[in-house]
Amino acid sequence: MLSYLSEYAHVFGPLRLLHYITVRAVGAACTALIIGFIIGPWLIRRFRELKFGHGYIDERTGALGATYFDKKHTPTMGGLIIFLAVFVSTVLWAEPNVWVFVALFVYTALTVPGWRDDYLKVVHKNKDGIKAWEKIAWQSLATGVALLVLLKHPASAAKIRELWVPFFKEAVIPHMHWALLLVLIYLWIVGFSNAINITDGLDGLAVGCTITVALVFGIMAYVAGNSVYAQYLLISYVPGTGELTVVCGALIGACMAFLWFNSHPAEVFMGDTGSLALGGLIGVMAFMIHQPFTLVIVGGVFVWELLSVVLQVGWFKLTRSRTGTGQRLFLMAPIHHHFQKKGWPETKVVLRFWVLSLGFALLGLATLKLR
């Protein structure tokens, strides 16, 4: 919205800076950070007054979660802090186009089932939350509507059908069938929604890793939306996606503000309100800038966490069917709890996973030059 003020640069010269995506991305980050710092304490106080804590220890972690302090009464639904900061900042600083609209739509659409899941858990004390079919229905609806908009809008109809893979100079599939595209986008949105949801088990872990991923994809979105840089790096040029840099900037600022309150010992948890929506937002942005497979590298920690659960469950079922006694690959899944079981303090697990996330982010950036 503020980008339109650049048209009045002849009246006030400095307004011309609002034409630049980098300026607006920094502005969005700062605005989101300020909004988060302002609304964070108020929301946390309200959550505590309403007793929006789980009120129970997750049986999957048993007493592990209470080893360091009692977490069961820590308020959840903290994802609302991130959502409000990102949404307001993006609307304020981004130039509206189909890419920004789809990103915000998916983010909003997946915030709803996440909020409902947390609401059932903290208000109705239903530790199972929403039904699996209801969550899948919301994710399917969000994916379907987003894809329909992208396929119908003239600015995105052709570009969204291209499939790019790291290390290749051209699109591997120049024109995907809509059915294949639907399957892939659905897998990425659902997969990373669940991956971040699984990762969100320790104070600051998921949101800290999200910051590094958002930083990398902010750079990639800027490059994808710039014809000169895209041509130089031999990657796909997608006009208009540079505005997603502003979305990523807002996401970084909002996550930084949330991390202030979520750092150990956490004053508030993200909950499904935040984790499901963040995964969907990152997943759909990766497709829109033609970097879906790069997300597997950049979001390596999230992938690692998800795979640890899949492998643990799969191996347990396989060995139980063969021997009658299920065996486990890890002491506990997801993998961050495995290291806790090995005696690592929670803060050490989180910091080391942040280091890994930064390493994966650098690897992902390196793929831009390796063509």
Protein backbone atom coordinates (compact mmCIF):
# COMPACT_ATOMS: atom_id res chain seq x y z
CA MET A 1 0.00 0.00 0.00
CA LEU A 2 2.80 2.44 0.88
CA SER A 3 4.44 1.64 -2.46
CA TYR A 4 1.89 3.90 -4.16
CA LEU A 5 3.34 6.89 -2.31
CA SER A 6 6.40 6.63 -4.58
CA GLU A 7 4.24 8.24 -7.29
CA TYR A 8 4.38 11.46 -5.27
CA ALA A 9 8.17 11.62 -5.25
CA HIS A 10 7.95 14.88 -7.19
CA VAL A 11 6.26 16.38 -4.13
CA PHE A 12 8.58 14.86 -1.52
CA GLY A 13 11.78 13.37 -2.92
CA PRO A 14 12.46 10.63 -0.31
CA LEU A 15 9.17 8.94 -1.25
CA ARG A 16 10.94 7.54 -4.32
CA LEU A 17 12.63 5.05 -1.98
CA LEU A 18 9.29 3.27 -1.56
CA HIS A 19 9.62 2.12 -5.15
CA TYR A 20 12.46 -0.19 -4.13
CA ILE A 21 11.59 -3.68 -2.92
CA THR A 22 14.60 -3.84 -0.59
CA VAL A 23 13.50 -0.68 1.24
CA ARG A 24 9.97 -1.96 1.64
CA ALA A 25 11.20 -5.40 2.76
CA VAL A 26 13.25 -3.80 5.53
CA GLY A 27 10.28 -1.59 6.39
CA ALA A 28 8.02 -4.63 6.59
CA ALA A 29 10.50 -6.43 8.85
CA CYS A 30 10.78 -3.46 11.20
CA THR A 31 7.03 -2.92 11.23
CA ALA A 32 6.32 -6.58 11.98
CA LEU A 33 8.94 -6.54 14.73
CA ILE A 34 7.34 -3.48 16.34
CA ILE A 35 3.81 -4.90 16.01
CA GLY A 36 4.98 -8.15 17.59
CA PHE A 37 6.58 -6.35 20.51
CA ILE A 38 3.43 -4.26 21.04
CA ILE A 39 0.75 -6.95 20.81
CA GLY A 40 2.85 -9.80 22.22
CA PRO A 41 2.68 -8.86 25.93
CA TRP A 42 -1.02 -7.98 25.66
CA LEU A 43 -1.96 -11.28 23.97
CA ILE A 44 0.16 -13.32 26.37
CA ARG A 45 -1.48 -11.60 29.33
CA ARG A 46 -4.93 -12.29 27.85
CA PHE A 47 -4.05 -15.94 27.19
CA ARG A 48 -2.98 -16.33 30.80
CA GLU A 49 -6.16 -14.70 32.10
CA LEU A 50 -8.21 -17.06 29.95
CA LYS A 51 -5.97 -19.98 31.02
CA PHE A 52 -5.11 -20.84 27.43
CA GLY A 53 -2.58 -23.47 28.40
CA HIS A 54 -2.83 -27.14 27.53
CA GLY A 55 -3.25 -28.05 31.19
CA TYR A 56 -1.64 -31.43 30.62
CA ILE A 57 1.72 -32.92 29.71
CA ASP A 58 1.81 -34.49 26.26
CA GLU A 59 1.96 -38.23 26.83
CA ARG A 60 4.37 -38.55 23.92
CA THR A 61 7.02 -36.68 25.90
CA GLY A 62 5.92 -37.75 29.36
CA ALA A 63 7.89 -36.01 32.06
CA LEU A 64 10.55 -34.94 29.56
CA GLY A 65 8.80 -31.62 28.94
CA ALA A 66 8.74 -30.92 32.66
CA THR A 67 12.41 -31.72 33.21
CA TYR A 68 13.41 -28.08 33.08
CA PHE A 69 10.23 -26.30 34.16
CA ASP A 70 6.49 -26.82 34.14
CA LYS A 71 5.27 -26.12 30.60
CA LYS A 72 1.75 -27.40 30.84
CA HIS A 73 0.31 -24.03 31.90
CA THR A 74 2.29 -21.94 29.41
CA PRO A 75 -0.25 -20.28 27.09
CA THR A 76 -0.44 -21.37 23.46
CA MET A 77 -2.01 -19.78 20.33
CA GLY A 78 1.06 -17.54 20.14
CA GLY A 79 0.98 -18.01 16.38
CA LEU A 80 -1.56 -15.18 16.37
CA ILE A 81 1.28 -12.78 17.20
CA ILE A 82 3.14 -13.84 14.08
CA PHE A 83 0.01 -13.86 11.92
CA LEU A 84 -1.15 -10.35 12.85
CA ALA A 85 2.34 -8.91 12.46
CA VAL A 86 2.93 -10.56 9.07
CA PHE A 87 -0.50 -9.76 7.66
CA VAL A 88 -0.58 -6.09 8.67
CA SER A 89 3.03 -5.46 7.62
CA THR A 90 2.58 -7.15 4.25
CA VAL A 91 -0.60 -5.24 3.45
CA LEU A 92 1.13 -2.03 4.47
CA TRP A 93 4.41 -2.44 2.56
CA ALA A 94 3.88 -4.90 -0.34
CA GLU A 95 2.63 -3.88 -3.75
CA PRO A 96 -0.49 -6.02 -4.24
CA ASN A 97 -0.34 -8.66 -6.98
CA VAL A 98 -1.44 -12.25 -7.49
CA TRP A 99 1.67 -13.69 -5.81
CA VAL A 100 1.19 -11.67 -2.63
CA PHE A 101 -2.53 -12.39 -2.59
CA VAL A 102 -2.03 -16.16 -2.84
CA ALA A 103 0.67 -16.13 -0.16
CA LEU A 104 -1.56 -14.26 2.29
CA PHE A 105 -4.58 -16.39 1.38
CA VAL A 106 -2.79 -19.66 2.11
CA TYR A 107 -1.34 -18.25 5.31
CA THR A 108 -4.76 -17.08 6.50
CA ALA A 109 -6.58 -20.22 5.38
CA LEU A 110 -4.20 -22.47 7.33
CA THR A 111 -4.22 -20.24 10.40
CA VAL A 112 -7.93 -21.03 10.83
CA PRO A 113 -7.66 -24.83 11.37
CA GLY A 114 -4.54 -24.29 13.48
CA TRP A 115 -6.42 -21.86 15.72
CA ARG A 116 -9.39 -24.23 15.96
CA ASP A 117 -7.09 -27.08 16.90
CA ASP A 118 -5.51 -25.04 19.68
CA TYR A 119 -8.92 -23.79 20.82
CA LEU A 120 -10.24 -27.32 21.24
CA LYS A 121 -7.12 -28.29 23.17
CA VAL A 122 -6.96 -25.35 25.56
CA VAL A 123 -10.65 -24.52 26.02
CA HIS A 124 -12.34 -27.89 25.71
CA LYS A 125 -9.28 -29.77 27.06
CA ASN A 126 -9.39 -32.10 24.07
CA LYS A 127 -5.76 -33.08 23.60
CA ASP A 128 -6.49 -34.62 20.18
CA GLY A 129 -7.70 -31.30 18.74
CA ILE A 130 -9.51 -31.24 15.42
CA LYS A 131 -10.19 -34.40 13.45
CA ALA A 132 -7.63 -35.48 10.87
CA TRP A 133 -10.17 -35.23 8.07
CA GLU A 134 -11.00 -31.65 9.05
CA LYS A 135 -7.36 -30.61 8.92
CA ILE A 136 -6.90 -32.34 5.55
CA ALA A 137 -10.06 -30.66 4.24
CA TRP A 138 -8.76 -27.19 5.17
CA GLN A 139 -5.35 -27.90 3.65
CA SER A 140 -6.97 -29.25 0.48
CA LEU A 141 -9.28 -26.23 0.21
CA ALA A 142 -6.41 -23.79 0.66
CA THR A 143 -4.31 -25.59 -1.95
CA GLY A 144 -7.17 -25.89 -4.43
CA VAL A 145 -8.21 -22.24 -4.26
CA ALA A 146 -4.61 -21.00 -4.40
CA LEU A 147 -3.86 -23.12 -7.47
CA LEU A 148 -7.09 -22.08 -9.18
CA VAL A 149 -6.21 -18.40 -8.74
CA LEU A 150 -2.68 -18.95 -10.02
CA LEU A 151 -3.90 -20.89 -13.07
CA LYS A 152 -6.59 -18.33 -13.96
CA HIS A 153 -4.67 -15.10 -13.42
CA PRO A 154 -2.85 -13.97 -16.59
CA ALA A 155 0.26 -12.92 -14.67
CA SER A 156 0.78 -16.40 -13.22
CA ALA A 157 -1.08 -18.86 -15.47
CA ALA A 158 1.93 -19.84 -17.59
CA LYS A 159 4.73 -19.42 -15.07
CA ILE A 160 3.17 -21.54 -12.33
CA ARG A 161 3.17 -24.57 -14.66
CA GLU A 162 6.96 -24.62 -14.92
CA LEU A 163 8.90 -27.09 -12.77
CA TRP A 164 12.46 -26.14 -11.94
CA VAL A 165 15.05 -28.29 -10.20
CA PRO A 166 18.33 -27.10 -8.63
CA PHE A 167 21.48 -27.39 -10.80
CA PHE A 168 19.48 -27.22 -14.08
CA LYS A 169 19.56 -24.14 -16.32
CA GLU A 170 16.11 -24.73 -17.83
CA ALA A 171 12.74 -25.88 -16.55
CA VAL A 172 12.65 -29.66 -16.27
CA ILE A 173 8.97 -29.57 -17.20
CA PRO A 174 8.06 -26.37 -19.11
CA HIS A 175 4.31 -26.93 -18.92
CA MET A 176 3.00 -29.21 -16.19
CA HIS A 177 -0.47 -30.70 -16.33
CA TRP A 178 -2.68 -29.10 -13.70
CA ALA A 179 -3.20 -32.47 -11.96
CA LEU A 180 0.54 -32.98 -11.43
CA LEU A 181 0.88 -29.39 -10.28
CA LEU A 182 -1.96 -29.85 -7.79
CA VAL A 183 -0.35 -32.97 -6.33
CA LEU A 184 3.06 -31.32 -5.96
CA ILE A 185 1.81 -28.09 -4.41
CA TYR A 186 -0.43 -30.06 -2.07
CA LEU A 187 2.48 -32.23 -0.95
CA TRP A 188 4.66 -29.20 -0.28
CA ILE A 189 2.01 -27.23 1.57
CA VAL A 190 0.85 -30.19 3.67
CA GLY A 191 4.34 -31.62 4.07
CA PHE A 192 5.95 -28.45 5.39
CA SER A 193 2.88 -27.59 7.48
CA ASN A 194 3.31 -30.90 9.28
CA ALA A 195 7.11 -30.62 9.33
CA ILE A 196 7.10 -27.27 11.14
CA ASN A 197 4.30 -28.53 13.39
CA ILE A 198 6.48 -31.49 14.39
CA THR A 199 9.55 -29.30 14.86
CA ASP A 200 7.66 -27.00 17.22
CA GLY A 201 8.45 -29.05 20.31
CA LEU A 202 11.16 -27.05 22.07
CA ASP A 203 11.33 -23.38 23.05
CA GLY A 204 12.44 -21.31 20.05
CA LEU A 205 13.30 -24.28 17.84
CA ALA A 206 10.72 -23.96 15.05
CA VAL A 207 10.57 -20.17 14.93
CA GLY A 208 14.37 -19.83 14.94
CA CYS A 209 14.71 -22.20 11.98
CA THR A 210 11.85 -20.38 10.22
CA ILE A 211 13.83 -17.14 10.35
CA THR A 212 16.76 -18.63 8.41
CA VAL A 213 14.42 -20.18 5.83
CA ALA A 214 12.52 -16.91 5.38
CA LEU A 215 15.79 -15.00 4.97
CA VAL A 216 16.97 -17.31 2.17
CA PHE A 217 13.63 -17.29 0.38
CA GLY A 218 13.46 -13.52 0.66
CA ILE A 219 16.73 -13.39 -1.28
CA MET A 220 15.51 -15.98 -3.78
CA ALA A 221 12.22 -14.16 -4.31
CA TYR A 222 14.09 -10.93 -4.99
CA VAL A 223 16.35 -12.65 -7.51
CA ALA A 224 13.44 -14.44 -9.21
CA GLY A 225 11.61 -11.14 -9.65
CA ASN A 226 14.63 -9.32 -11.10
CA SER A 227 15.28 -10.05 -14.80
CA VAL A 228 18.97 -9.06 -14.63
CA TYR A 229 19.87 -11.24 -11.64
CA ALA A 230 17.71 -14.14 -12.85
CA GLN A 231 19.41 -14.12 -16.24
CA TYR A 232 22.87 -13.89 -14.67
CA LEU A 233 22.22 -16.80 -12.30
CA LEU A 234 20.36 -18.83 -14.99
CA ILE A 235 17.27 -19.25 -12.86
CA SER A 236 13.62 -18.70 -13.68
CA TYR A 237 12.49 -15.10 -14.02
CA VAL A 238 9.00 -14.71 -12.57
CA PRO A 239 7.78 -11.10 -12.90
CA GLY A 240 6.12 -9.79 -9.77
CA THR A 241 7.50 -12.36 -7.33
CA GLY A 242 9.97 -9.81 -6.03
CA GLU A 243 7.11 -8.58 -3.84
CA LEU A 244 7.34 -11.87 -1.94
CA THR A 245 10.60 -10.47 -0.57
CA VAL A 246 8.42 -8.05 1.38
CA VAL A 247 6.34 -10.97 2.69
CA CYS A 248 9.54 -12.74 3.78
CA GLY A 249 10.76 -9.53 5.43
CA ALA A 250 7.53 -9.27 7.40
CA LEU A 251 7.85 -12.94 8.35
CA ILE A 252 11.40 -12.43 9.61
CA GLY A 253 10.41 -9.45 11.75
CA ALA A 254 7.35 -11.21 13.15
CA CYS A 255 9.33 -14.35 13.98
CA MET A 256 12.04 -12.31 15.67
CA ALA A 257 9.42 -10.65 17.86
CA PHE A 258 7.85 -14.00 18.68
CA LEU A 259 11.24 -15.53 19.47
CA TRP A 260 11.68 -12.81 22.11
CA PHE A 261 8.74 -14.32 24.00
CA ASN A 262 9.29 -17.94 22.93
CA SER A 263 12.94 -18.21 23.97
CA HIS A 264 13.66 -20.57 26.86
CA PRO A 265 11.84 -20.55 29.21
CA ALA A 266 8.96 -19.75 26.88
CA GLU A 267 6.28 -17.27 27.89
CA VAL A 268 4.05 -18.49 25.06
CA PHE A 269 3.93 -21.33 22.55
CA MET A 270 3.29 -20.98 18.85
CA GLY A 271 0.76 -23.80 18.76
CA ASP A 272 -0.83 -25.16 15.60
CA THR A 273 -2.10 -21.62 15.02
CA GLY A 274 1.41 -20.72 13.94
CA SER A 275 3.14 -23.90 12.81
CA LEU A 276 0.57 -25.16 10.29
CA ALA A 277 0.22 -21.77 8.62
CA LEU A 278 3.95 -21.02 8.50
CA GLY A 279 4.65 -24.30 6.73
CA GLY A 280 1.93 -23.64 4.18
CA LEU A 281 3.14 -20.09 3.55
CA ILE A 282 6.74 -21.17 2.97
CA GLY A 283 5.66 -24.12 0.83
CA VAL A 284 3.49 -22.10 -1.55
CA MET A 285 6.08 -19.31 -1.85
CA ALA A 286 8.71 -21.89 -2.83
CA PHE A 287 6.52 -23.01 -5.72
CA MET A 288 5.69 -19.50 -6.86
CA ILE A 289 9.39 -18.58 -7.22
CA HIS A 290 10.21 -21.99 -8.77
CA GLN A 291 12.35 -23.20 -5.85
CA PRO A 292 10.32 -26.08 -4.37
CA PHE A 293 13.17 -28.59 -4.30
CA THR A 294 15.54 -25.97 -2.93
CA LEU A 295 13.19 -25.72 0.05
CA VAL A 296 14.01 -29.34 0.84
CA ILE A 297 17.63 -28.23 1.27
CA VAL A 298 17.05 -24.88 2.97
CA GLY A 299 14.42 -26.37 5.28
CA GLY A 300 16.65 -29.34 6.04
CA VAL A 301 15.93 -29.27 9.77
CA PHE A 302 12.19 -29.44 9.12
CA VAL A 303 12.68 -32.30 6.65
CA TRP A 304 14.94 -34.10 9.10
CA GLU A 305 12.36 -33.78 11.88
CA LEU A 306 9.55 -35.09 9.66
CA LEU A 307 11.60 -37.99 8.33
CA SER A 308 12.58 -39.03 11.86
CA VAL A 309 8.90 -39.51 12.72
CA VAL A 310 8.15 -41.34 9.46
CA LEU A 311 11.15 -43.64 9.89
CA GLN A 312 10.41 -44.27 13.56
CA VAL A 313 6.79 -45.23 12.93
CA GLY A 314 7.59 -47.20 9.78
CA TRP A 315 10.42 -49.19 11.38
CA PHE A 316 8.35 -49.91 14.48
CA LYS A 317 5.44 -51.27 12.42
CA LEU A 318 7.75 -53.28 10.14
CA THR A 319 9.64 -54.96 12.98
CA ARG A 320 6.43 -55.62 14.92
CA SER A 321 4.86 -57.36 11.92
CA ARG A 322 7.97 -59.53 11.47
CA THR A 323 9.01 -60.30 15.03
CA GLY A 324 5.95 -59.39 17.08
CA THR A 325 7.98 -56.82 18.99
CA GLY A 326 8.35 -53.32 17.61
CA GLN A 327 11.82 -51.78 17.58
CA ARG A 328 12.76 -48.11 17.43
CA LEU A 329 15.45 -46.38 15.41
CA PHE A 330 15.63 -43.42 17.79
CA LEU A 331 15.23 -43.11 21.54
CA MET A 332 12.29 -40.85 20.75
CA ALA A 333 10.82 -39.08 17.74
CA PRO A 334 10.84 -36.38 16.50
CA ILE A 335 14.61 -36.29 16.49
CA HIS A 336 15.01 -33.32 18.86
CA HIS A 337 13.56 -35.45 21.67
CA HIS A 338 16.08 -38.20 20.82
CA PHE A 339 18.90 -35.86 21.77
CA GLN A 340 17.07 -34.79 24.90
CA LYS A 341 16.86 -38.46 25.88
CA LYS A 342 20.62 -38.68 25.34
CA GLY A 343 21.05 -36.00 28.00
CA TRP A 344 21.39 -32.80 25.96
CA PRO A 345 19.83 -29.78 27.68
CA GLU A 346 16.94 -28.23 25.78
CA THR A 347 18.86 -25.03 25.06
CA LYS A 348 21.79 -26.99 23.57
CA VAL A 349 19.46 -28.93 21.27
CA VAL A 350 17.83 -25.72 20.06
CA LEU A 351 21.09 -23.84 19.47
CA ARG A 352 22.68 -26.74 17.61
CA PHE A 353 19.62 -27.15 15.42
CA TRP A 354 19.79 -23.42 14.66
CA VAL A 355 23.39 -23.93 13.56
CA LEU A 356 22.27 -26.78 11.30
CA SER A 357 19.46 -24.63 9.91
CA LEU A 358 21.95 -21.89 9.04
CA GLY A 359 24.17 -24.46 7.35
CA PHE A 360 21.26 -25.78 5.27
CA ALA A 361 20.36 -22.19 4.37
CA LEU A 362 23.88 -21.54 3.04
CA LEU A 363 23.74 -24.78 1.04
CA GLY A 364 20.44 -23.70 -0.46
CA LEU A 365 21.86 -20.32 -1.45
CA ALA A 366 24.83 -22.04 -3.10
CA THR A 367 22.48 -23.82 -5.51
CA LEU A 368 21.68 -20.45 -7.12
CA LYS A 369 25.20 -20.35 -8.59
CA LEU A 370 25.61 -24.05 -9.35
CA ARG A 371 23.89 -24.49 -12.69
